[in-house]
Amino acid sequence: MKPAFALAVLMAISTPVYAQPSGGKTGVNAVIGRSISTTDFVTELALSDMFETKSSELAAVRGDQKARDFAATMIEDHQKSSSELSLIVKPHIDQTPLPLKLDKGHQARIDKLKKLDGAEFTKAYFKEQVAAHEAAVSLLERFGKSGSDAELKAFAEKLLPGIRHHLEMAKSNAT
């Protein structure tokens, strides 16, 4: 294969990787094995909390009793972690702004849930909660191991056991 053509093929297949958001499980940092930046961590964690809270607010109305019970815990716990994150980030808000609304990907997942009711909603809600908590565990583990901000690393390590517990609860309810 000619070097110029090989380079063109390599660039073509790698372009989608660089088009991804830089944080979270699917971000370029994960793909290339780099540690996650503080800004990406804060953004991804805030989006995760917002998604889990908003989807749980829907579950409180559309889900069965099992979903409503789980949702109450998610709303309480994720609002608390969002508040704690805000307090930690507040002195550095210029360097690390918190997102004010969901990104397109998370919003699309909420929009899909809004179209469902009853058993169909409950099944989809728990599937989303499993996926969201798996991503959150990965995010917290990665930043806890390699993050550069000591206060946020400690926060990630503090949150991790509770998020793992949420994941196990979501998995047990998803079956």
N, C-alpha and C. Protein backbone atom coordinates (compact mmCIF):
# COMPACT_ATOMS: atom_id res chain seq x y z
N MET A 1 0.87 -1.17 0.00
CA MET A 1 0.00 0.00 0.00
C MET A 1 0.91 1.23 0.00
N LYS A 2 0.56 2.19 -0.81
CA LYS A 2 1.36 3.41 -0.89
C LYS A 2 1.21 4.22 0.39
N PRO A 3 2.28 4.85 0.86
CA PRO A 3 2.22 5.61 2.12
C PRO A 3 1.15 6.69 2.14
N ALA A 4 0.96 7.41 1.05
CA ALA A 4 -0.05 8.48 1.04
C ALA A 4 -1.45 7.91 1.19
N PHE A 5 -1.70 6.79 0.50
CA PHE A 5 -3.02 6.16 0.59
C PHE A 5 -3.24 5.60 1.99
N ALA A 6 -2.22 4.97 2.55
CA ALA A 6 -2.32 4.42 3.91
C ALA A 6 -2.62 5.53 4.91
N LEU A 7 -1.97 6.66 4.75
CA LEU A 7 -2.22 7.80 5.64
C LEU A 7 -3.66 8.29 5.49
N ALA A 8 -4.14 8.37 4.25
CA ALA A 8 -5.52 8.82 4.01
C ALA A 8 -6.52 7.87 4.65
N VAL A 9 -6.29 6.56 4.52
CA VAL A 9 -7.19 5.57 5.13
C VAL A 9 -7.16 5.70 6.65
N LEU A 10 -5.97 5.81 7.21
CA LEU A 10 -5.84 5.96 8.66
C LEU A 10 -6.57 7.20 9.15
N MET A 11 -6.42 8.31 8.45
CA MET A 11 -7.10 9.54 8.84
C MET A 11 -8.61 9.40 8.73
N ALA A 12 -9.07 8.72 7.69
CA ALA A 12 -10.51 8.56 7.49
C ALA A 12 -11.14 7.73 8.59
N ILE A 13 -10.46 6.66 9.01
CA ILE A 13 -11.07 5.82 10.05
C ILE A 13 -10.89 6.40 11.44
N SER A 14 -9.91 7.28 11.63
CA SER A 14 -9.71 7.85 12.96
C SER A 14 -10.49 9.14 13.18
N THR A 15 -10.97 9.77 12.14
CA THR A 15 -11.70 11.03 12.28
C THR A 15 -12.89 10.91 13.21
N PRO A 16 -13.74 9.87 13.12
CA PRO A 16 -14.86 9.78 14.05
C PRO A 16 -14.43 9.74 15.51
N VAL A 17 -13.28 9.15 15.80
CA VAL A 17 -12.80 9.11 17.18
C VAL A 17 -12.57 10.53 17.69
N TYR A 18 -11.96 11.37 16.87
CA TYR A 18 -11.67 12.73 17.31
C TYR A 18 -12.90 13.61 17.32
N ALA A 19 -13.98 13.17 16.70
CA ALA A 19 -15.22 13.95 16.70
C ALA A 19 -16.04 13.70 17.96
N GLN A 20 -15.64 12.74 18.76
CA GLN A 20 -16.38 12.40 19.97
C GLN A 20 -16.07 13.41 21.07
N PRO A 21 -16.99 13.55 22.06
CA PRO A 21 -16.68 14.41 23.19
C PRO A 21 -15.45 13.89 23.91
N SER A 22 -14.71 14.78 24.55
CA SER A 22 -13.44 14.36 25.13
C SER A 22 -13.56 13.69 26.48
N GLY A 23 -14.72 13.62 27.07
CA GLY A 23 -14.85 12.98 28.37
C GLY A 23 -15.69 11.74 28.30
N GLY A 24 -15.72 11.02 29.40
CA GLY A 24 -16.61 9.88 29.51
C GLY A 24 -16.04 8.63 28.88
N LYS A 25 -16.83 7.60 28.90
CA LYS A 25 -16.44 6.28 28.47
C LYS A 25 -16.07 6.21 26.99
N THR A 26 -16.72 7.00 26.16
CA THR A 26 -16.47 6.93 24.73
C THR A 26 -15.57 8.04 24.23
N GLY A 27 -15.05 8.87 25.09
CA GLY A 27 -14.26 10.01 24.67
C GLY A 27 -12.90 9.63 24.14
N VAL A 28 -12.26 10.57 23.49
CA VAL A 28 -10.95 10.34 22.91
C VAL A 28 -9.93 9.95 23.98
N ASN A 29 -10.03 10.48 25.18
CA ASN A 29 -9.09 10.10 26.24
C ASN A 29 -9.19 8.62 26.55
N ALA A 30 -10.42 8.07 26.53
CA ALA A 30 -10.59 6.65 26.79
C ALA A 30 -10.02 5.82 25.65
N VAL A 31 -10.24 6.27 24.42
CA VAL A 31 -9.79 5.53 23.25
C VAL A 31 -8.28 5.46 23.20
N ILE A 32 -7.61 6.56 23.50
CA ILE A 32 -6.15 6.57 23.39
C ILE A 32 -5.46 6.25 24.71
N GLY A 33 -6.24 5.94 25.74
CA GLY A 33 -5.67 5.51 27.01
C GLY A 33 -5.15 6.62 27.89
N ARG A 34 -5.49 7.86 27.60
CA ARG A 34 -5.04 8.97 28.44
C ARG A 34 -5.96 9.14 29.63
N SER A 35 -5.42 9.76 30.65
CA SER A 35 -6.26 10.07 31.80
C SER A 35 -7.24 11.17 31.42
N ILE A 36 -8.34 11.21 32.12
CA ILE A 36 -9.38 12.19 31.82
C ILE A 36 -9.01 13.53 32.44
N SER A 37 -9.27 14.60 31.72
CA SER A 37 -8.96 15.93 32.24
C SER A 37 -9.96 16.32 33.32
N THR A 38 -9.58 17.27 34.14
CA THR A 38 -10.47 17.75 35.20
C THR A 38 -11.74 18.34 34.60
N THR A 39 -11.61 19.13 33.55
CA THR A 39 -12.79 19.74 32.92
C THR A 39 -13.72 18.67 32.37
N ASP A 40 -13.16 17.67 31.68
CA ASP A 40 -14.00 16.60 31.14
C ASP A 40 -14.69 15.82 32.26
N PHE A 41 -13.95 15.55 33.33
CA PHE A 41 -14.53 14.83 34.45
C PHE A 41 -15.72 15.59 35.03
N VAL A 42 -15.53 16.86 35.30
CA VAL A 42 -16.60 17.68 35.89
C VAL A 42 -17.81 17.72 34.95
N THR A 43 -17.57 17.93 33.67
CA THR A 43 -18.67 17.99 32.71
C THR A 43 -19.41 16.66 32.64
N GLU A 44 -18.68 15.56 32.49
CA GLU A 44 -19.32 14.25 32.38
C GLU A 44 -20.07 13.87 33.65
N LEU A 45 -19.50 14.18 34.81
CA LEU A 45 -20.17 13.85 36.06
C LEU A 45 -21.44 14.68 36.23
N ALA A 46 -21.37 15.95 35.89
CA ALA A 46 -22.56 16.81 35.99
C ALA A 46 -23.65 16.33 35.03
N LEU A 47 -23.27 15.97 33.81
CA LEU A 47 -24.25 15.46 32.84
C LEU A 47 -24.86 14.14 33.32
N SER A 48 -24.03 13.30 33.91
CA SER A 48 -24.52 12.03 34.44
C SER A 48 -25.55 12.26 35.53
N ASP A 49 -25.23 13.13 36.47
CA ASP A 49 -26.18 13.45 37.55
C ASP A 49 -27.48 14.02 36.99
N MET A 50 -27.36 14.94 36.03
CA MET A 50 -28.56 15.54 35.44
C MET A 50 -29.41 14.49 34.73
N PHE A 51 -28.76 13.61 33.97
CA PHE A 51 -29.50 12.58 33.26
C PHE A 51 -30.20 11.64 34.23
N GLU A 52 -29.48 11.19 35.24
CA GLU A 52 -30.07 10.24 36.18
C GLU A 52 -31.19 10.89 36.97
N THR A 53 -31.07 12.16 37.28
CA THR A 53 -32.14 12.88 37.98
C THR A 53 -33.36 13.07 37.08
N LYS A 54 -33.14 13.57 35.86
CA LYS A 54 -34.27 13.83 34.95
C LYS A 54 -34.98 12.54 34.55
N SER A 55 -34.24 11.49 34.27
CA SER A 55 -34.89 10.23 33.90
C SER A 55 -35.65 9.66 35.10
N SER A 56 -35.14 9.88 36.29
CA SER A 56 -35.82 9.40 37.49
C SER A 56 -37.06 10.22 37.80
N GLU A 57 -37.03 11.50 37.47
CA GLU A 57 -38.25 12.31 37.62
C GLU A 57 -39.35 11.78 36.71
N LEU A 58 -38.99 11.33 35.51
CA LEU A 58 -39.97 10.70 34.62
C LEU A 58 -40.47 9.39 35.22
N ALA A 59 -39.55 8.61 35.79
CA ALA A 59 -39.93 7.32 36.38
C ALA A 59 -40.88 7.49 37.55
N ALA A 60 -40.75 8.58 38.26
CA ALA A 60 -41.65 8.84 39.39
C ALA A 60 -43.09 9.00 38.93
N VAL A 61 -43.29 9.33 37.67
CA VAL A 61 -44.63 9.53 37.11
C VAL A 61 -45.05 8.37 36.22
N ARG A 62 -44.14 7.85 35.41
CA ARG A 62 -44.49 6.87 34.38
C ARG A 62 -44.19 5.42 34.74
N GLY A 63 -43.36 5.21 35.74
CA GLY A 63 -42.92 3.86 36.05
C GLY A 63 -43.84 3.13 37.00
N ASP A 64 -43.57 1.83 37.17
CA ASP A 64 -44.31 1.05 38.16
C ASP A 64 -43.74 1.35 39.54
N GLN A 65 -44.26 0.69 40.56
CA GLN A 65 -43.83 0.98 41.93
C GLN A 65 -42.33 0.74 42.12
N LYS A 66 -41.82 -0.32 41.52
CA LYS A 66 -40.39 -0.63 41.62
C LYS A 66 -39.56 0.52 41.04
N ALA A 67 -39.98 1.03 39.90
CA ALA A 67 -39.27 2.15 39.27
C ALA A 67 -39.40 3.42 40.10
N ARG A 68 -40.57 3.67 40.64
CA ARG A 68 -40.78 4.88 41.45
C ARG A 68 -39.93 4.84 42.72
N ASP A 69 -39.84 3.68 43.35
CA ASP A 69 -39.01 3.55 44.55
C ASP A 69 -37.53 3.80 44.23
N PHE A 70 -37.06 3.18 43.17
CA PHE A 70 -35.67 3.36 42.74
C PHE A 70 -35.43 4.83 42.37
N ALA A 71 -36.38 5.41 41.65
CA ALA A 71 -36.25 6.80 41.20
C ALA A 71 -36.12 7.76 42.37
N ALA A 72 -36.86 7.52 43.43
CA ALA A 72 -36.78 8.40 44.61
C ALA A 72 -35.36 8.43 45.17
N THR A 73 -34.74 7.26 45.23
CA THR A 73 -33.36 7.18 45.72
C THR A 73 -32.41 7.90 44.76
N MET A 74 -32.61 7.68 43.46
CA MET A 74 -31.73 8.32 42.46
C MET A 74 -31.84 9.84 42.53
N ILE A 75 -33.05 10.35 42.63
CA ILE A 75 -33.24 11.80 42.68
C ILE A 75 -32.54 12.39 43.91
N GLU A 76 -32.76 11.78 45.04
CA GLU A 76 -32.15 12.28 46.28
C GLU A 76 -30.62 12.22 46.21
N ASP A 77 -30.09 11.06 45.83
CA ASP A 77 -28.64 10.88 45.83
C ASP A 77 -27.94 11.74 44.77
N HIS A 78 -28.52 11.83 43.58
CA HIS A 78 -27.86 12.58 42.51
C HIS A 78 -28.01 14.08 42.66
N GLN A 79 -29.08 14.54 43.27
CA GLN A 79 -29.17 15.96 43.58
C GLN A 79 -28.13 16.33 44.63
N LYS A 80 -27.93 15.43 45.58
CA LYS A 80 -26.91 15.67 46.62
C LYS A 80 -25.51 15.72 46.01
N SER A 81 -25.19 14.76 45.14
CA SER A 81 -23.85 14.77 44.55
C SER A 81 -23.66 15.96 43.61
N SER A 82 -24.73 16.39 42.93
CA SER A 82 -24.65 17.59 42.09
C SER A 82 -24.35 18.83 42.93
N SER A 83 -25.00 18.93 44.08
CA SER A 83 -24.75 20.07 44.97
C SER A 83 -23.32 20.06 45.49
N GLU A 84 -22.83 18.88 45.87
CA GLU A 84 -21.46 18.78 46.35
C GLU A 84 -20.46 19.14 45.26
N LEU A 85 -20.71 18.66 44.05
CA LEU A 85 -19.83 18.98 42.92
C LEU A 85 -19.81 20.49 42.68
N SER A 86 -20.97 21.11 42.73
CA SER A 86 -21.06 22.57 42.53
C SER A 86 -20.22 23.32 43.56
N LEU A 87 -20.27 22.88 44.80
CA LEU A 87 -19.49 23.54 45.86
C LEU A 87 -17.99 23.39 45.63
N ILE A 88 -17.58 22.22 45.18
CA ILE A 88 -16.15 21.99 44.93
C ILE A 88 -15.67 22.83 43.75
N VAL A 89 -16.49 22.91 42.71
CA VAL A 89 -16.09 23.59 41.48
C VAL A 89 -16.26 25.10 41.56
N LYS A 90 -17.12 25.58 42.44
CA LYS A 90 -17.46 27.01 42.49
C LYS A 90 -16.25 27.94 42.49
N PRO A 91 -15.21 27.69 43.29
CA PRO A 91 -14.06 28.61 43.26
C PRO A 91 -13.31 28.61 41.92
N HIS A 92 -13.54 27.59 41.09
CA HIS A 92 -12.81 27.45 39.83
C HIS A 92 -13.75 27.52 38.63
N ILE A 93 -14.91 28.13 38.79
CA ILE A 93 -15.95 28.08 37.77
C ILE A 93 -15.48 28.63 36.43
N ASP A 94 -14.54 29.56 36.43
CA ASP A 94 -14.02 30.10 35.16
C ASP A 94 -13.27 29.04 34.37
N GLN A 95 -12.51 28.20 35.07
CA GLN A 95 -11.75 27.15 34.39
C GLN A 95 -12.59 25.89 34.16
N THR A 96 -13.56 25.65 35.01
CA THR A 96 -14.33 24.41 34.95
C THR A 96 -15.82 24.71 35.09
N PRO A 97 -16.44 25.26 34.05
CA PRO A 97 -17.87 25.57 34.15
C PRO A 97 -18.73 24.31 34.13
N LEU A 98 -19.80 24.34 34.88
CA LEU A 98 -20.74 23.22 34.89
C LEU A 98 -21.75 23.39 33.75
N PRO A 99 -22.12 22.30 33.10
CA PRO A 99 -23.15 22.41 32.06
C PRO A 99 -24.49 22.81 32.69
N LEU A 100 -25.25 23.61 31.97
CA LEU A 100 -26.55 24.07 32.48
C LEU A 100 -27.70 23.22 31.98
N LYS A 101 -27.46 22.43 30.94
CA LYS A 101 -28.51 21.55 30.42
C LYS A 101 -27.85 20.30 29.85
N LEU A 102 -28.67 19.30 29.59
CA LEU A 102 -28.16 18.06 29.04
C LEU A 102 -27.59 18.28 27.65
N ASP A 103 -26.59 17.49 27.30
CA ASP A 103 -26.09 17.52 25.94
C ASP A 103 -27.07 16.77 25.03
N LYS A 104 -26.83 16.79 23.73
CA LYS A 104 -27.77 16.20 22.78
C LYS A 104 -27.97 14.70 23.00
N GLY A 105 -26.90 13.99 23.29
CA GLY A 105 -27.01 12.55 23.50
C GLY A 105 -27.88 12.18 24.69
N HIS A 106 -27.64 12.83 25.81
CA HIS A 106 -28.45 12.56 27.01
C HIS A 106 -29.89 13.01 26.80
N GLN A 107 -30.07 14.15 26.14
CA GLN A 107 -31.43 14.65 25.91
C GLN A 107 -32.21 13.70 25.00
N ALA A 108 -31.54 13.13 24.01
CA ALA A 108 -32.21 12.16 23.12
C ALA A 108 -32.68 10.94 23.90
N ARG A 109 -31.90 10.52 24.87
CA ARG A 109 -32.30 9.37 25.70
C ARG A 109 -33.51 9.73 26.56
N ILE A 110 -33.55 10.95 27.08
CA ILE A 110 -34.72 11.41 27.85
C ILE A 110 -35.94 11.46 26.93
N ASP A 111 -35.77 12.00 25.73
CA ASP A 111 -36.88 12.12 24.79
C ASP A 111 -37.47 10.75 24.44
N LYS A 112 -36.62 9.73 24.30
CA LYS A 112 -37.11 8.37 24.04
C LYS A 112 -37.94 7.87 25.22
N LEU A 113 -37.45 8.11 26.43
CA LEU A 113 -38.19 7.67 27.62
C LEU A 113 -39.55 8.37 27.72
N LYS A 114 -39.61 9.63 27.32
CA LYS A 114 -40.86 10.39 27.40
C LYS A 114 -41.96 9.79 26.53
N LYS A 115 -41.59 9.02 25.54
CA LYS A 115 -42.56 8.42 24.62
C LYS A 115 -43.13 7.10 25.15
N LEU A 116 -42.63 6.63 26.27
CA LEU A 116 -43.02 5.33 26.80
C LEU A 116 -43.85 5.46 28.07
N ASP A 117 -44.62 4.41 28.36
CA ASP A 117 -45.41 4.33 29.59
C ASP A 117 -45.41 2.91 30.11
N GLY A 118 -45.81 2.77 31.37
CA GLY A 118 -46.04 1.45 31.97
C GLY A 118 -44.83 0.55 31.93
N ALA A 119 -45.08 -0.74 31.64
CA ALA A 119 -44.02 -1.75 31.66
C ALA A 119 -42.93 -1.44 30.64
N GLU A 120 -43.32 -0.90 29.50
CA GLU A 120 -42.35 -0.54 28.47
C GLU A 120 -41.42 0.56 28.98
N PHE A 121 -41.98 1.55 29.68
CA PHE A 121 -41.16 2.61 30.26
C PHE A 121 -40.22 2.03 31.31
N THR A 122 -40.77 1.23 32.22
CA THR A 122 -39.96 0.69 33.32
C THR A 122 -38.77 -0.10 32.79
N LYS A 123 -39.00 -0.93 31.79
CA LYS A 123 -37.92 -1.73 31.21
C LYS A 123 -36.84 -0.82 30.61
N ALA A 124 -37.26 0.17 29.84
CA ALA A 124 -36.31 1.09 29.21
C ALA A 124 -35.59 1.95 30.26
N TYR A 125 -36.31 2.37 31.28
CA TYR A 125 -35.72 3.19 32.34
C TYR A 125 -34.60 2.44 33.04
N PHE A 126 -34.85 1.19 33.43
CA PHE A 126 -33.80 0.44 34.12
C PHE A 126 -32.62 0.13 33.20
N LYS A 127 -32.90 -0.10 31.92
CA LYS A 127 -31.82 -0.31 30.96
C LYS A 127 -30.94 0.95 30.89
N GLU A 128 -31.58 2.11 30.83
CA GLU A 128 -30.84 3.37 30.81
C GLU A 128 -30.06 3.59 32.10
N GLN A 129 -30.65 3.23 33.23
CA GLN A 129 -29.97 3.41 34.51
C GLN A 129 -28.74 2.51 34.62
N VAL A 130 -28.85 1.28 34.11
CA VAL A 130 -27.69 0.40 34.11
C VAL A 130 -26.58 1.02 33.27
N ALA A 131 -26.91 1.44 32.06
CA ALA A 131 -25.90 2.03 31.17
C ALA A 131 -25.29 3.30 31.78
N ALA A 132 -26.13 4.15 32.34
CA ALA A 132 -25.65 5.41 32.93
C ALA A 132 -24.74 5.15 34.12
N HIS A 133 -25.10 4.19 34.95
CA HIS A 133 -24.28 3.91 36.13
C HIS A 133 -23.00 3.16 35.77
N GLU A 134 -23.03 2.32 34.73
CA GLU A 134 -21.78 1.70 34.27
C GLU A 134 -20.81 2.79 33.79
N ALA A 135 -21.32 3.74 33.04
CA ALA A 135 -20.48 4.84 32.56
C ALA A 135 -19.96 5.68 33.73
N ALA A 136 -20.81 5.92 34.72
CA ALA A 136 -20.41 6.71 35.88
C ALA A 136 -19.33 6.00 36.69
N VAL A 137 -19.48 4.69 36.88
CA VAL A 137 -18.46 3.92 37.60
C VAL A 137 -17.12 4.03 36.86
N SER A 138 -17.15 3.84 35.55
CA SER A 138 -15.93 3.95 34.76
C SER A 138 -15.30 5.34 34.89
N LEU A 139 -16.11 6.36 34.79
CA LEU A 139 -15.64 7.74 34.92
C LEU A 139 -14.99 7.98 36.28
N LEU A 140 -15.66 7.58 37.35
CA LEU A 140 -15.15 7.79 38.70
C LEU A 140 -13.87 7.00 38.94
N GLU A 141 -13.83 5.76 38.46
CA GLU A 141 -12.63 4.95 38.63
C GLU A 141 -11.44 5.58 37.91
N ARG A 142 -11.66 5.99 36.67
CA ARG A 142 -10.57 6.57 35.88
C ARG A 142 -10.06 7.86 36.52
N PHE A 143 -10.96 8.74 36.93
CA PHE A 143 -10.50 10.00 37.51
C PHE A 143 -9.89 9.76 38.89
N GLY A 144 -10.46 8.84 39.65
CA GLY A 144 -9.90 8.52 40.96
C GLY A 144 -8.47 8.02 40.88
N LYS A 145 -8.14 7.32 39.80
CA LYS A 145 -6.79 6.79 39.63
C LYS A 145 -5.83 7.81 39.04
N SER A 146 -6.32 8.63 38.13
CA SER A 146 -5.37 9.45 37.38
C SER A 146 -5.71 10.94 37.31
N GLY A 147 -6.74 11.37 38.02
CA GLY A 147 -7.11 12.78 37.98
C GLY A 147 -6.03 13.67 38.58
N SER A 148 -6.01 14.92 38.14
CA SER A 148 -4.96 15.83 38.60
C SER A 148 -5.40 16.74 39.75
N ASP A 149 -6.70 16.80 40.04
CA ASP A 149 -7.21 17.66 41.11
C ASP A 149 -7.48 16.81 42.35
N ALA A 150 -6.73 17.04 43.41
CA ALA A 150 -6.82 16.20 44.62
C ALA A 150 -8.22 16.22 45.24
N GLU A 151 -8.84 17.39 45.29
CA GLU A 151 -10.17 17.48 45.90
C GLU A 151 -11.21 16.72 45.08
N LEU A 152 -11.13 16.83 43.77
CA LEU A 152 -12.07 16.10 42.91
C LEU A 152 -11.78 14.60 42.90
N LYS A 153 -10.50 14.23 43.00
CA LYS A 153 -10.16 12.80 43.11
C LYS A 153 -10.78 12.21 44.37
N ALA A 154 -10.66 12.92 45.47
CA ALA A 154 -11.25 12.45 46.73
C ALA A 154 -12.77 12.35 46.61
N PHE A 155 -13.37 13.31 45.93
CA PHE A 155 -14.81 13.30 45.70
C PHE A 155 -15.20 12.09 44.85
N ALA A 156 -14.44 11.80 43.81
CA ALA A 156 -14.71 10.64 42.95
C ALA A 156 -14.63 9.35 43.77
N GLU A 157 -13.61 9.24 44.59
CA GLU A 157 -13.44 8.05 45.41
C GLU A 157 -14.55 7.92 46.45
N LYS A 158 -15.02 9.04 46.96
CA LYS A 158 -16.13 9.04 47.93
C LYS A 158 -17.44 8.59 47.26
N LEU A 159 -17.67 9.04 46.03
CA LEU A 159 -18.91 8.70 45.33
C LEU A 159 -18.96 7.26 44.84
N LEU A 160 -17.82 6.71 44.51
CA LEU A 160 -17.76 5.41 43.83
C LEU A 160 -18.54 4.29 44.50
N PRO A 161 -18.42 4.05 45.81
CA PRO A 161 -19.19 2.96 46.41
C PRO A 161 -20.71 3.13 46.24
N GLY A 162 -21.20 4.34 46.39
CA GLY A 162 -22.64 4.59 46.22
C GLY A 162 -23.10 4.37 44.80
N ILE A 163 -22.29 4.79 43.83
CA ILE A 163 -22.65 4.61 42.42
C ILE A 163 -22.59 3.13 42.05
N ARG A 164 -21.63 2.41 42.60
CA ARG A 164 -21.59 0.95 42.37
C ARG A 164 -22.86 0.29 42.94
N HIS A 165 -23.28 0.76 44.10
CA HIS A 165 -24.51 0.24 44.71
C HIS A 165 -25.72 0.56 43.83
N HIS A 166 -25.79 1.78 43.31
CA HIS A 166 -26.88 2.14 42.39
C HIS A 166 -26.87 1.21 41.17
N LEU A 167 -25.68 0.92 40.65
CA LEU A 167 -25.57 0.03 39.49
C LEU A 167 -26.12 -1.35 39.81
N GLU A 168 -25.75 -1.89 40.95
CA GLU A 168 -26.26 -3.21 41.34
C GLU A 168 -27.78 -3.18 41.52
N MET A 169 -28.29 -2.12 42.11
CA MET A 169 -29.74 -1.99 42.27
C MET A 169 -30.42 -1.92 40.91
N ALA A 170 -29.86 -1.14 40.00
CA ALA A 170 -30.45 -1.01 38.65
C ALA A 170 -30.42 -2.35 37.93
N LYS A 171 -29.31 -3.07 38.03
CA LYS A 171 -29.21 -4.38 37.38
C LYS A 171 -30.24 -5.35 37.95
N SER A 172 -30.40 -5.36 39.27
CA SER A 172 -31.35 -6.31 39.86
C SER A 172 -32.79 -5.96 39.49
N ASN A 173 -33.08 -4.68 39.29
CA ASN A 173 -34.42 -4.28 38.87
C ASN A 173 -34.65 -4.46 37.38
N ALA A 174 -33.58 -4.51 36.61
CA ALA A 174 -33.69 -4.63 35.15
C ALA A 174 -34.06 -6.04 34.72
N THR A 175 -33.91 -7.00 35.62
CA THR A 175 -34.20 -8.39 35.24
C THR A 175 -35.62 -8.79 35.55
